[in-house]
Amino acid sequence: MLRVKSEETANILTTKVPEYEVNQLTIMAQASDSPDPSNEVAFTSAVREQITTQRVPAINTNDLLNLPKGQAFAMIEGGQLYKLRLPLADKETFSKESGMPNQLSDMV
């Protein structure tokens, strides 16, 4: 599937791709000091780490709506997902020396 214009078209592929578990690490740090000079504890600190896990699809609708030219997603070999990069032809490709026609009608 190349770049598409509508979410409905993108959903044809995105509903078939697998989901994966993604871990996210959140680090929170906290520090405070005591304004009381007679207090033996002048400074306290704490660091907390939290790991959260969520399931996300391999690709989402937005990935298909914003694909660059010459790129596509394909499910091949039993539904395995691949991202493809196709070579784009330039003006030299269609020069008279190359033998490639300039128009699609010339090829037909």
PDB file of N, CA and C in Angstrom:
ATOM      1  N   MET A   1       0.846  -1.170   0.000  1.00  0.00           N
ATOM      2  CA  MET A   1       0.000   0.000   0.000  1.00  0.00           C
ATOM      3  C   MET A   1       0.893   1.235   0.000  1.00  0.00           C
ATOM      4  N   LEU A   2       0.677   2.086  -0.983  1.00  0.00           N
ATOM      5  CA  LEU A   2       1.382   3.365  -1.057  1.00  0.00           C
ATOM      6  C   LEU A   2       0.655   4.391  -0.193  1.00  0.00           C
ATOM      7  N   ARG A   3       1.059   5.654  -0.278  1.00  0.00           N
ATOM      8  CA  ARG A   3       0.383   6.712   0.475  1.00  0.00           C
ATOM      9  C   ARG A   3      -1.075   6.782   0.047  1.00  0.00           C
ATOM     10  N   VAL A   4      -1.960   6.944   1.035  1.00  0.00           N
ATOM     11  CA  VAL A   4      -3.395   7.016   0.759  1.00  0.00           C
ATOM     12  C   VAL A   4      -3.927   8.364   1.211  1.00  0.00           C
ATOM     13  N   LYS A   5      -5.133   8.709   0.757  1.00  0.00           N
ATOM     14  CA  LYS A   5      -5.721  10.005   1.080  1.00  0.00           C
ATOM     15  C   LYS A   5      -6.765   9.941   2.194  1.00  0.00           C
ATOM     16  N   SER A   6      -7.330   8.758   2.460  1.00  0.00           N
ATOM     17  CA  SER A   6      -8.402   8.683   3.455  1.00  0.00           C
ATOM     18  C   SER A   6      -8.077   7.656   4.538  1.00  0.00           C
ATOM     19  N   GLU A   7      -8.612   7.892   5.718  1.00  0.00           N
ATOM     20  CA  GLU A   7      -8.419   6.978   6.838  1.00  0.00           C
ATOM     21  C   GLU A   7      -9.073   5.630   6.568  1.00  0.00           C
ATOM     22  N   GLU A   8     -10.200   5.642   5.862  1.00  0.00           N
ATOM     23  CA  GLU A   8     -10.891   4.385   5.560  1.00  0.00           C
ATOM     24  C   GLU A   8      -9.999   3.459   4.738  1.00  0.00           C
ATOM     25  N   THR A   9      -9.299   4.021   3.760  1.00  0.00           N
ATOM     26  CA  THR A   9      -8.398   3.218   2.940  1.00  0.00           C
ATOM     27  C   THR A   9      -7.214   2.730   3.767  1.00  0.00           C
ATOM     28  N   ALA A  10      -6.672   3.580   4.610  1.00  0.00           N
ATOM     29  CA  ALA A  10      -5.541   3.189   5.454  1.00  0.00           C
ATOM     30  C   ALA A  10      -5.923   2.082   6.418  1.00  0.00           C
ATOM     31  N   ASN A  11      -7.168   2.095   6.884  1.00  0.00           N
ATOM     32  CA  ASN A  11      -7.614   1.076   7.846  1.00  0.00           C
ATOM     33  C   ASN A  11      -7.635  -0.325   7.241  1.00  0.00           C
ATOM     34  N   ILE A  12      -7.676  -0.431   5.933  1.00  0.00           N
ATOM     35  CA  ILE A  12      -7.625  -1.747   5.294  1.00  0.00           C
ATOM     36  C   ILE A  12      -6.354  -2.478   5.714  1.00  0.00           C
ATOM     37  N   LEU A  13      -5.234  -1.770   5.758  1.00  0.00           N
ATOM     38  CA  LEU A  13      -3.964  -2.388   6.147  1.00  0.00           C
ATOM     39  C   LEU A  13      -3.742  -2.346   7.661  1.00  0.00           C
ATOM     40  N   THR A  14      -4.041  -1.224   8.301  1.00  0.00           N
ATOM     41  CA  THR A  14      -3.712  -1.086   9.718  1.00  0.00           C
ATOM     42  C   THR A  14      -4.494  -2.040  10.616  1.00  0.00           C
ATOM     43  N   THR A  15      -5.651  -2.502  10.175  1.00  0.00           N
ATOM     44  CA  THR A  15      -6.402  -3.459  10.982  1.00  0.00           C
ATOM     45  C   THR A  15      -5.825  -4.868  10.879  1.00  0.00           C
ATOM     46  N   LYS A  16      -4.926  -5.093   9.914  1.00  0.00           N
ATOM     47  CA  LYS A  16      -4.348  -6.418   9.718  1.00  0.00           C
ATOM     48  C   LYS A  16      -2.951  -6.569  10.315  1.00  0.00           C
ATOM     49  N   VAL A  17      -2.323  -5.476  10.708  1.00  0.00           N
ATOM     50  CA  VAL A  17      -0.960  -5.567  11.232  1.00  0.00           C
ATOM     51  C   VAL A  17      -0.989  -5.982  12.698  1.00  0.00           C
ATOM     52  N   PRO A  18       0.061  -6.655  13.160  1.00  0.00           N
ATOM     53  CA  PRO A  18       0.091  -7.083  14.558  1.00  0.00           C
ATOM     54  C   PRO A  18       0.352  -5.915  15.504  1.00  0.00           C
ATOM     55  N   GLU A  19       0.054  -6.152  16.775  1.00  0.00           N
ATOM     56  CA  GLU A  19       0.361  -5.178  17.820  1.00  0.00           C
ATOM     57  C   GLU A  19       1.565  -5.688  18.615  1.00  0.00           C
ATOM     58  N   TYR A  20       2.329  -4.755  19.158  1.00  0.00           N
ATOM     59  CA  TYR A  20       3.511  -5.085  19.938  1.00  0.00           C
ATOM     60  C   TYR A  20       3.446  -4.367  21.279  1.00  0.00           C
ATOM     61  N   GLU A  21       4.077  -4.959  22.285  1.00  0.00           N
ATOM     62  CA  GLU A  21       4.166  -4.305  23.582  1.00  0.00           C
ATOM     63  C   GLU A  21       5.363  -3.368  23.585  1.00  0.00           C
ATOM     64  N   VAL A  22       5.132  -2.133  24.009  1.00  0.00           N
ATOM     65  CA  VAL A  22       6.176  -1.124  24.077  1.00  0.00           C
ATOM     66  C   VAL A  22       6.304  -0.675  25.520  1.00  0.00           C
ATOM     67  N   ASN A  23       7.536  -0.692  26.032  1.00  0.00           N
ATOM     68  CA  ASN A  23       7.791  -0.238  27.398  1.00  0.00           C
ATOM     69  C   ASN A  23       8.237   1.211  27.373  1.00  0.00           C
ATOM     70  N   GLN A  24       7.754   1.959  28.345  1.00  0.00           N
ATOM     71  CA  GLN A  24       8.145   3.358  28.471  1.00  0.00           C
ATOM     72  C   GLN A  24       8.652   3.586  29.888  1.00  0.00           C
ATOM     73  N   LEU A  25       9.842   4.162  29.997  1.00  0.00           N
ATOM     74  CA  LEU A  25      10.450   4.448  31.293  1.00  0.00           C
ATOM     75  C   LEU A  25      10.251   5.923  31.616  1.00  0.00           C
ATOM     76  N   THR A  26       9.664   6.186  32.769  1.00  0.00           N
ATOM     77  CA  THR A  26       9.469   7.560  33.231  1.00  0.00           C
ATOM     78  C   THR A  26      10.291   7.752  34.497  1.00  0.00           C
ATOM     79  N   ILE A  27      11.143   8.751  34.496  1.00  0.00           N
ATOM     80  CA  ILE A  27      11.987   9.046  35.654  1.00  0.00           C
ATOM     81  C   ILE A  27      11.515  10.356  36.267  1.00  0.00           C
ATOM     82  N   MET A  28      11.262  10.312  37.565  1.00  0.00           N
ATOM     83  CA  MET A  28      10.833  11.506  38.289  1.00  0.00           C
ATOM     84  C   MET A  28      11.830  11.782  39.408  1.00  0.00           C
ATOM     85  N   ALA A  29      12.306  13.008  39.500  1.00  0.00           N
ATOM     86  CA  ALA A  29      13.249  13.407  40.548  1.00  0.00           C
ATOM     87  C   ALA A  29      12.630  14.537  41.358  1.00  0.00           C
ATOM     88  N   GLN A  30      12.901  14.507  42.656  1.00  0.00           N
ATOM     89  CA  GLN A  30      12.349  15.519  43.549  1.00  0.00           C
ATOM     90  C   GLN A  30      13.419  15.904  44.559  1.00  0.00           C
ATOM     91  N   ALA A  31      13.515  17.170  44.859  1.00  0.00           N
ATOM     92  CA  ALA A  31      14.473  17.653  45.851  1.00  0.00           C
ATOM     93  C   ALA A  31      13.827  18.780  46.645  1.00  0.00           C
ATOM     94  N   SER A  32      14.186  18.857  47.919  1.00  0.00           N
ATOM     95  CA  SER A  32      13.690  19.960  48.759  1.00  0.00           C
ATOM     96  C   SER A  32      14.725  20.258  49.832  1.00  0.00           C
ATOM     97  N   ASP A  33      14.730  21.503  50.246  1.00  0.00           N
ATOM     98  CA  ASP A  33      15.632  21.888  51.327  1.00  0.00           C
ATOM     99  C   ASP A  33      14.820  22.456  52.479  1.00  0.00           C
ATOM    100  N   SER A  34      15.455  22.521  53.636  1.00  0.00           N
ATOM    101  CA  SER A  34      14.770  22.997  54.842  1.00  0.00           C
ATOM    102  C   SER A  34      15.205  24.427  55.125  1.00  0.00           C
ATOM    103  N   PRO A  35      14.239  25.335  55.340  1.00  0.00           N
ATOM    104  CA  PRO A  35      14.610  26.718  55.655  1.00  0.00           C
ATOM    105  C   PRO A  35      15.018  26.893  57.127  1.00  0.00           C
ATOM    106  N   ASP A  36      14.810  25.868  57.948  1.00  0.00           N
ATOM    107  CA  ASP A  36      15.126  25.943  59.380  1.00  0.00           C
ATOM    108  C   ASP A  36      16.595  25.578  59.602  1.00  0.00           C
ATOM    109  N   PRO A  37      17.448  26.536  60.033  1.00  0.00           N
ATOM    110  CA  PRO A  37      18.886  26.252  60.205  1.00  0.00           C
ATOM    111  C   PRO A  37      19.160  25.292  61.376  1.00  0.00           C
ATOM    112  N   SER A  38      18.229  25.165  62.291  1.00  0.00           N
ATOM    113  CA  SER A  38      18.454  24.278  63.433  1.00  0.00           C
ATOM    114  C   SER A  38      18.113  22.815  63.100  1.00  0.00           C
ATOM    115  N   ASN A  39      17.494  22.589  61.994  1.00  0.00           N
ATOM    116  CA  ASN A  39      17.127  21.240  61.585  1.00  0.00           C
ATOM    117  C   ASN A  39      18.374  20.500  61.104  1.00  0.00           C
ATOM    118  N   GLU A  40      18.567  19.274  61.561  1.00  0.00           N
ATOM    119  CA  GLU A  40      19.739  18.495  61.170  1.00  0.00           C
ATOM    120  C   GLU A  40      19.678  18.068  59.702  1.00  0.00           C
ATOM    121  N   VAL A  41      18.478  17.913  59.189  1.00  0.00           N
ATOM    122  CA  VAL A  41      18.316  17.522  57.792  1.00  0.00           C
ATOM    123  C   VAL A  41      18.085  18.805  56.976  1.00  0.00           C
ATOM    124  N   ALA A  42      19.085  19.170  56.191  1.00  0.00           N
ATOM    125  CA  ALA A  42      18.986  20.408  55.427  1.00  0.00           C
ATOM    126  C   ALA A  42      18.479  20.171  54.006  1.00  0.00           C
ATOM    127  N   PHE A  43      18.587  18.931  53.558  1.00  0.00           N
ATOM    128  CA  PHE A  43      18.281  18.665  52.160  1.00  0.00           C
ATOM    129  C   PHE A  43      17.770  17.226  52.035  1.00  0.00           C
ATOM    130  N   THR A  44      16.709  17.029  51.254  1.00  0.00           N
ATOM    131  CA  THR A  44      16.213  15.681  50.962  1.00  0.00           C
ATOM    132  C   THR A  44      15.993  15.561  49.450  1.00  0.00           C
ATOM    133  N   SER A  45      16.163  14.362  48.951  1.00  0.00           N
ATOM    134  CA  SER A  45      15.934  14.131  47.524  1.00  0.00           C
ATOM    135  C   SER A  45      15.379  12.721  47.337  1.00  0.00           C
ATOM    136  N   ALA A  46      14.724  12.543  46.210  1.00  0.00           N
ATOM    137  CA  ALA A  46      14.172  11.238  45.874  1.00  0.00           C
ATOM    138  C   ALA A  46      14.135  11.094  44.360  1.00  0.00           C
ATOM    139  N   VAL A  47      14.365   9.886  43.887  1.00  0.00           N
ATOM    140  CA  VAL A  47      14.280   9.566  42.466  1.00  0.00           C
ATOM    141  C   VAL A  47      13.375   8.344  42.332  1.00  0.00           C
ATOM    142  N   ARG A  48      12.461   8.423  41.394  1.00  0.00           N
ATOM    143  CA  ARG A  48      11.513   7.335  41.196  1.00  0.00           C
ATOM    144  C   ARG A  48      11.464   6.987  39.714  1.00  0.00           C
ATOM    145  N   GLU A  49      11.525   5.706  39.416  1.00  0.00           N
ATOM    146  CA  GLU A  49      11.417   5.227  38.044  1.00  0.00           C
ATOM    147  C   GLU A  49      10.140   4.406  37.921  1.00  0.00           C
ATOM    148  N   GLN A  50       9.442   4.615  36.824  1.00  0.00           N
ATOM    149  CA  GLN A  50       8.200   3.886  36.593  1.00  0.00           C
ATOM    150  C   GLN A  50       8.209   3.364  35.163  1.00  0.00           C
ATOM    151  N   ILE A  51       7.944   2.068  35.018  1.00  0.00           N
ATOM    152  CA  ILE A  51       7.872   1.455  33.697  1.00  0.00           C
ATOM    153  C   ILE A  51       6.413   1.127  33.411  1.00  0.00           C
ATOM    154  N   THR A  52       5.927   1.623  32.272  1.00  0.00           N
ATOM    155  CA  THR A  52       4.576   1.307  31.846  1.00  0.00           C
ATOM    156  C   THR A  52       4.652   0.577  30.508  1.00  0.00           C
ATOM    157  N   THR A  53       3.731  -0.316  30.296  1.00  0.00           N
ATOM    158  CA  THR A  53       3.679  -1.102  29.063  1.00  0.00           C
ATOM    159  C   THR A  53       2.341  -0.868  28.390  1.00  0.00           C
ATOM    160  N   GLN A  54       2.386  -0.672  27.079  1.00  0.00           N
ATOM    161  CA  GLN A  54       1.147  -0.541  26.334  1.00  0.00           C
ATOM    162  C   GLN A  54       1.304  -1.239  24.990  1.00  0.00           C
ATOM    163  N   ARG A  55       0.193  -1.680  24.441  1.00  0.00           N
ATOM    164  CA  ARG A  55       0.195  -2.355  23.139  1.00  0.00           C
ATOM    165  C   ARG A  55      -0.089  -1.320  22.053  1.00  0.00           C
ATOM    166  N   VAL A  56       0.767  -1.325  21.030  1.00  0.00           N
ATOM    167  CA  VAL A  56       0.603  -0.393  19.914  1.00  0.00           C
ATOM    168  C   VAL A  56       0.701  -1.166  18.609  1.00  0.00           C
ATOM    169  N   PRO A  57      -0.010  -0.723  17.563  1.00  0.00           N
ATOM    170  CA  PRO A  57       0.092  -1.404  16.273  1.00  0.00           C
ATOM    171  C   PRO A  57       1.440  -1.125  15.616  1.00  0.00           C
ATOM    172  N   ALA A  58       1.857  -2.042  14.747  1.00  0.00           N
ATOM    173  CA  ALA A  58       3.135  -1.878  14.046  1.00  0.00           C
ATOM    174  C   ALA A  58       3.140  -0.599  13.215  1.00  0.00           C
ATOM    175  N   ILE A  59       2.029  -0.282  12.567  1.00  0.00           N
ATOM    176  CA  ILE A  59       1.863   0.987  11.862  1.00  0.00           C
ATOM    177  C   ILE A  59       0.468   1.507  12.154  1.00  0.00           C
ATOM    178  N   ASN A  60       0.316   2.801  12.103  1.00  0.00           N
ATOM    179  CA  ASN A  60      -1.011   3.378  12.328  1.00  0.00           C
ATOM    180  C   ASN A  60      -1.469   4.136  11.082  1.00  0.00           C
ATOM    181  N   THR A  61      -2.675   4.620  11.142  1.00  0.00           N
ATOM    182  CA  THR A  61      -3.287   5.299   9.996  1.00  0.00           C
ATOM    183  C   THR A  61      -2.447   6.487   9.537  1.00  0.00           C
ATOM    184  N   ASN A  62      -1.919   7.241  10.474  1.00  0.00           N
ATOM    185  CA  ASN A  62      -1.134   8.427  10.139  1.00  0.00           C
ATOM    186  C   ASN A  62       0.129   8.070   9.352  1.00  0.00           C
ATOM    187  N   ASP A  63       0.703   6.892   9.630  1.00  0.00           N
ATOM    188  CA  ASP A  63       1.889   6.467   8.877  1.00  0.00           C
ATOM    189  C   ASP A  63       1.586   6.330   7.388  1.00  0.00           C
ATOM    190  N   LEU A  64       0.413   5.833   7.057  1.00  0.00           N
ATOM    191  CA  LEU A  64       0.049   5.660   5.644  1.00  0.00           C
ATOM    192  C   LEU A  64      -0.379   6.966   4.991  1.00  0.00           C
ATOM    193  N   LEU A  65      -0.966   7.855   5.766  1.00  0.00           N
ATOM    194  CA  LEU A  65      -1.403   9.136   5.203  1.00  0.00           C
ATOM    195  C   LEU A  65      -0.218  10.047   4.884  1.00  0.00           C
ATOM    196  N   ASN A  66       0.929   9.830   5.538  1.00  0.00           N
ATOM    197  CA  ASN A  66       2.073  10.727   5.378  1.00  0.00           C
ATOM    198  C   ASN A  66       3.304  10.046   4.795  1.00  0.00           C
ATOM    199  N   LEU A  67       3.129   8.954   4.095  1.00  0.00           N
ATOM    200  CA  LEU A  67       4.275   8.287   3.474  1.00  0.00           C
ATOM    201  C   LEU A  67       4.917   9.186   2.417  1.00  0.00           C
ATOM    202  N   PRO A  68       6.244   9.251   2.367  1.00  0.00           N
ATOM    203  CA  PRO A  68       6.906  10.004   1.304  1.00  0.00           C
ATOM    204  C   PRO A  68       6.745   9.300  -0.039  1.00  0.00           C
ATOM    205  N   LYS A  69       6.983  10.024  -1.114  1.00  0.00           N
ATOM    206  CA  LYS A  69       6.927   9.435  -2.455  1.00  0.00           C
ATOM    207  C   LYS A  69       7.946   8.307  -2.554  1.00  0.00           C
ATOM    208  N   GLY A  70       7.543   7.246  -3.225  1.00  0.00           N
ATOM    209  CA  GLY A  70       8.453   6.131  -3.440  1.00  0.00           C
ATOM    210  C   GLY A  70       8.557   5.159  -2.287  1.00  0.00           C
ATOM    211  N   GLN A  71       7.716   5.304  -1.265  1.00  0.00           N
ATOM    212  CA  GLN A  71       7.738   4.381  -0.145  1.00  0.00           C
ATOM    213  C   GLN A  71       6.365   3.737   0.005  1.00  0.00           C
ATOM    214  N   ALA A  72       6.362   2.510   0.527  1.00  0.00           N
ATOM    215  CA  ALA A  72       5.122   1.763   0.671  1.00  0.00           C
ATOM    216  C   ALA A  72       5.277   0.731   1.778  1.00  0.00           C
ATOM    217  N   PHE A  73       4.154   0.200   2.231  1.00  0.00           N
ATOM    218  CA  PHE A  73       4.128  -0.930   3.158  1.00  0.00           C
ATOM    219  C   PHE A  73       3.549  -2.117   2.414  1.00  0.00           C
ATOM    220  N   ALA A  74       4.073  -3.300   2.686  1.00  0.00           N
ATOM    221  CA  ALA A  74       3.566  -4.516   2.043  1.00  0.00           C
ATOM    222  C   ALA A  74       3.547  -5.648   3.060  1.00  0.00           C
ATOM    223  N   MET A  75       2.508  -6.463   2.963  1.00  0.00           N
ATOM    224  CA  MET A  75       2.439  -7.678   3.767  1.00  0.00           C
ATOM    225  C   MET A  75       2.679  -8.844   2.822  1.00  0.00           C
ATOM    226  N   ILE A  76       3.841  -9.467   2.956  1.00  0.00           N
ATOM    227  CA  ILE A  76       4.206 -10.581   2.087  1.00  0.00           C
ATOM    228  C   ILE A  76       4.733 -11.725   2.939  1.00  0.00           C
ATOM    229  N   GLU A  77       4.958 -12.870   2.306  1.00  0.00           N
ATOM    230  CA  GLU A  77       5.480 -14.058   2.985  1.00  0.00           C
ATOM    231  C   GLU A  77       4.622 -14.431   4.185  1.00  0.00           C
ATOM    232  N   GLY A  78       3.339 -14.620   3.943  1.00  0.00           N
ATOM    233  CA  GLY A  78       2.460 -15.053   5.022  1.00  0.00           C
ATOM    234  C   GLY A  78       2.035 -13.939   5.959  1.00  0.00           C
ATOM    235  N   GLY A  79       1.975 -12.722   5.468  1.00  0.00           N
ATOM    236  CA  GLY A  79       1.492 -11.608   6.280  1.00  0.00           C
ATOM    237  C   GLY A  79       2.565 -10.877   7.047  1.00  0.00           C
ATOM    238  N   GLN A  80       3.835 -11.079   6.710  1.00  0.00           N
ATOM    239  CA  GLN A  80       4.913 -10.355   7.367  1.00  0.00           C
ATOM    240  C   GLN A  80       4.994  -8.947   6.788  1.00  0.00           C
ATOM    241  N   LEU A  81       5.085  -7.947   7.658  1.00  0.00           N
ATOM    242  CA  LEU A  81       5.052  -6.542   7.252  1.00  0.00           C
ATOM    243  C   LEU A  81       6.441  -6.063   6.850  1.00  0.00           C
ATOM    244  N   TYR A  82       6.517  -5.408   5.684  1.00  0.00           N
ATOM    245  CA  TYR A  82       7.755  -4.810   5.186  1.00  0.00           C
ATOM    246  C   TYR A  82       7.481  -3.368   4.790  1.00  0.00           C
ATOM    247  N   LYS A  83       8.504  -2.517   4.958  1.00  0.00           N
ATOM    248  CA  LYS A  83       8.436  -1.163   4.409  1.00  0.00           C
ATOM    249  C   LYS A  83       9.337  -1.148   3.183  1.00  0.00           C
ATOM    250  N   LEU A  84       8.787  -0.693   2.064  1.00  0.00           N
ATOM    251  CA  LEU A  84       9.499  -0.705   0.799  1.00  0.00           C
ATOM    252  C   LEU A  84       9.916   0.703   0.388  1.00  0.00           C
ATOM    253  N   ARG A  85      11.056   0.797  -0.256  1.00  0.00           N
ATOM    254  CA  ARG A  85      11.509   2.049  -0.863  1.00  0.00           C
ATOM    255  C   ARG A  85      11.728   1.769  -2.336  1.00  0.00           C
ATOM    256  N   LEU A  86      10.945   2.423  -3.174  1.00  0.00           N
ATOM    257  CA  LEU A  86      11.002   2.206  -4.608  1.00  0.00           C
ATOM    258  C   LEU A  86      11.830   3.306  -5.256  1.00  0.00           C
ATOM    259  N   PRO A  87      12.708   2.965  -6.187  1.00  0.00           N
ATOM    260  CA  PRO A  87      13.499   4.009  -6.851  1.00  0.00           C
ATOM    261  C   PRO A  87      12.594   4.876  -7.721  1.00  0.00           C
ATOM    262  N   LEU A  88      12.818   6.167  -7.658  1.00  0.00           N
ATOM    263  CA  LEU A  88      12.043   7.106  -8.468  1.00  0.00           C
ATOM    264  C   LEU A  88      12.814   7.434  -9.734  1.00  0.00           C
ATOM    265  N   ALA A  89      12.106   7.463 -10.823  1.00  0.00           N
ATOM    266  CA  ALA A  89      12.724   7.788 -12.103  1.00  0.00           C
ATOM    267  C   ALA A  89      12.933   9.291 -12.209  1.00  0.00           C
ATOM    268  N   ASP A  90      14.032   9.680 -12.807  1.00  0.00           N
ATOM    269  CA  ASP A  90      14.290  11.095 -13.053  1.00  0.00           C
ATOM    270  C   ASP A  90      14.288  11.347 -14.563  1.00  0.00           C
ATOM    271  N   LYS A  91      14.591  12.567 -14.977  1.00  0.00           N
ATOM    272  CA  LYS A  91      14.546  12.920 -16.399  1.00  0.00           C
ATOM    273  C   LYS A  91      15.542  12.118 -17.226  1.00  0.00           C
ATOM    274  N   GLU A  92      16.677  11.758 -16.616  1.00  0.00           N
ATOM    275  CA  GLU A  92      17.679  10.989 -17.348  1.00  0.00           C
ATOM    276  C   GLU A  92      17.167   9.591 -17.675  1.00  0.00           C
ATOM    277  N   THR A  93      16.290   9.058 -16.823  1.00  0.00           N
ATOM    278  CA  THR A  93      15.737   7.730 -17.067  1.00  0.00           C
ATOM    279  C   THR A  93      14.952   7.697 -18.366  1.00  0.00           C
ATOM    280  N   PHE A  94      14.277   8.802 -18.675  1.00  0.00           N
ATOM    281  CA  PHE A  94      13.425   8.862 -19.859  1.00  0.00           C
ATOM    282  C   PHE A  94      14.091   9.581 -21.033  1.00  0.00           C
ATOM    283  N   SER A  95      15.407   9.634 -21.043  1.00  0.00           N
ATOM    284  CA  SER A  95      16.091  10.271 -22.179  1.00  0.00           C
ATOM    285  C   SER A  95      16.013   9.367 -23.402  1.00  0.00           C
ATOM    286  N   LYS A  96      16.229   9.954 -24.568  1.00  0.00           N
ATOM    287  CA  LYS A  96      16.142   9.180 -25.815  1.00  0.00           C
ATOM    288  C   LYS A  96      17.219   8.097 -25.870  1.00  0.00           C
ATOM    289  N   GLU A  97      18.354   8.344 -25.240  1.00  0.00           N
ATOM    290  CA  GLU A  97      19.437   7.357 -25.264  1.00  0.00           C
ATOM    291  C   GLU A  97      19.077   6.107 -24.464  1.00  0.00           C
ATOM    292  N   SER A  98      18.241   6.265 -23.458  1.00  0.00           N
ATOM    293  CA  SER A  98      17.914   5.116 -22.607  1.00  0.00           C
ATOM    294  C   SER A  98      16.913   4.178 -23.259  1.00  0.00           C
ATOM    295  N   GLY A  99      16.164   4.681 -24.258  1.00  0.00           N
ATOM    296  CA  GLY A  99      15.173   3.854 -24.915  1.00  0.00           C
ATOM    297  C   GLY A  99      13.840   3.803 -24.187  1.00  0.00           C
ATOM    298  N   MET A 100      13.720   4.484 -23.047  1.00  0.00           N
ATOM    299  CA  MET A 100      12.458   4.520 -22.298  1.00  0.00           C
ATOM    300  C   MET A 100      11.547   5.577 -22.901  1.00  0.00           C
ATOM    301  N   PRO A 101      10.248   5.256 -23.105  1.00  0.00           N
ATOM    302  CA  PRO A 101       9.342   6.262 -23.667  1.00  0.00           C
ATOM    303  C   PRO A 101       9.016   7.356 -22.649  1.00  0.00           C
ATOM    304  N   ASN A 102       8.671   8.539 -23.154  1.00  0.00           N
ATOM    305  CA  ASN A 102       8.345   9.677 -22.303  1.00  0.00           C
ATOM    306  C   ASN A 102       6.926   9.595 -21.740  1.00  0.00           C
ATOM    307  N   GLN A 103       6.024   9.001 -22.475  1.00  0.00           N
ATOM    308  CA  GLN A 103       4.615   8.970 -22.089  1.00  0.00           C
ATOM    309  C   GLN A 103       4.146   7.529 -21.932  1.00  0.00           C
ATOM    310  N   LEU A 104       3.154   7.346 -21.074  1.00  0.00           N
ATOM    311  CA  LEU A 104       2.570   6.028 -20.890  1.00  0.00           C
ATOM    312  C   LEU A 104       1.939   5.531 -22.190  1.00  0.00           C
ATOM    313  N   SER A 105       1.331   6.453 -22.948  1.00  0.00           N
ATOM    314  CA  SER A 105       0.710   6.062 -24.218  1.00  0.00           C
ATOM    315  C   SER A 105       1.750   5.515 -25.205  1.00  0.00           C
ATOM    316  N   ASP A 106       2.988   6.005 -25.147  1.00  0.00           N
ATOM    317  CA  ASP A 106       4.041   5.489 -26.003  1.00  0.00           C
ATOM    318  C   ASP A 106       4.388   4.048 -25.663  1.00  0.00           C
ATOM    319  N   MET A 107       4.265   3.690 -24.400  1.00  0.00           N
ATOM    320  CA  MET A 107       4.543   2.325 -23.967  1.00  0.00           C
ATOM    321  C   MET A 107       3.455   1.386 -24.438  1.00  0.00           C
ATOM    322  N   VAL A 108       2.205   1.872 -24.441  1.00  0.00           N
ATOM    323  CA  VAL A 108       1.075   1.030 -24.849  1.00  0.00           C
ATOM    324  C   VAL A 108       1.170   0.766 -26.324  1.00  0.00           C
TER     325      VAL A 108
END
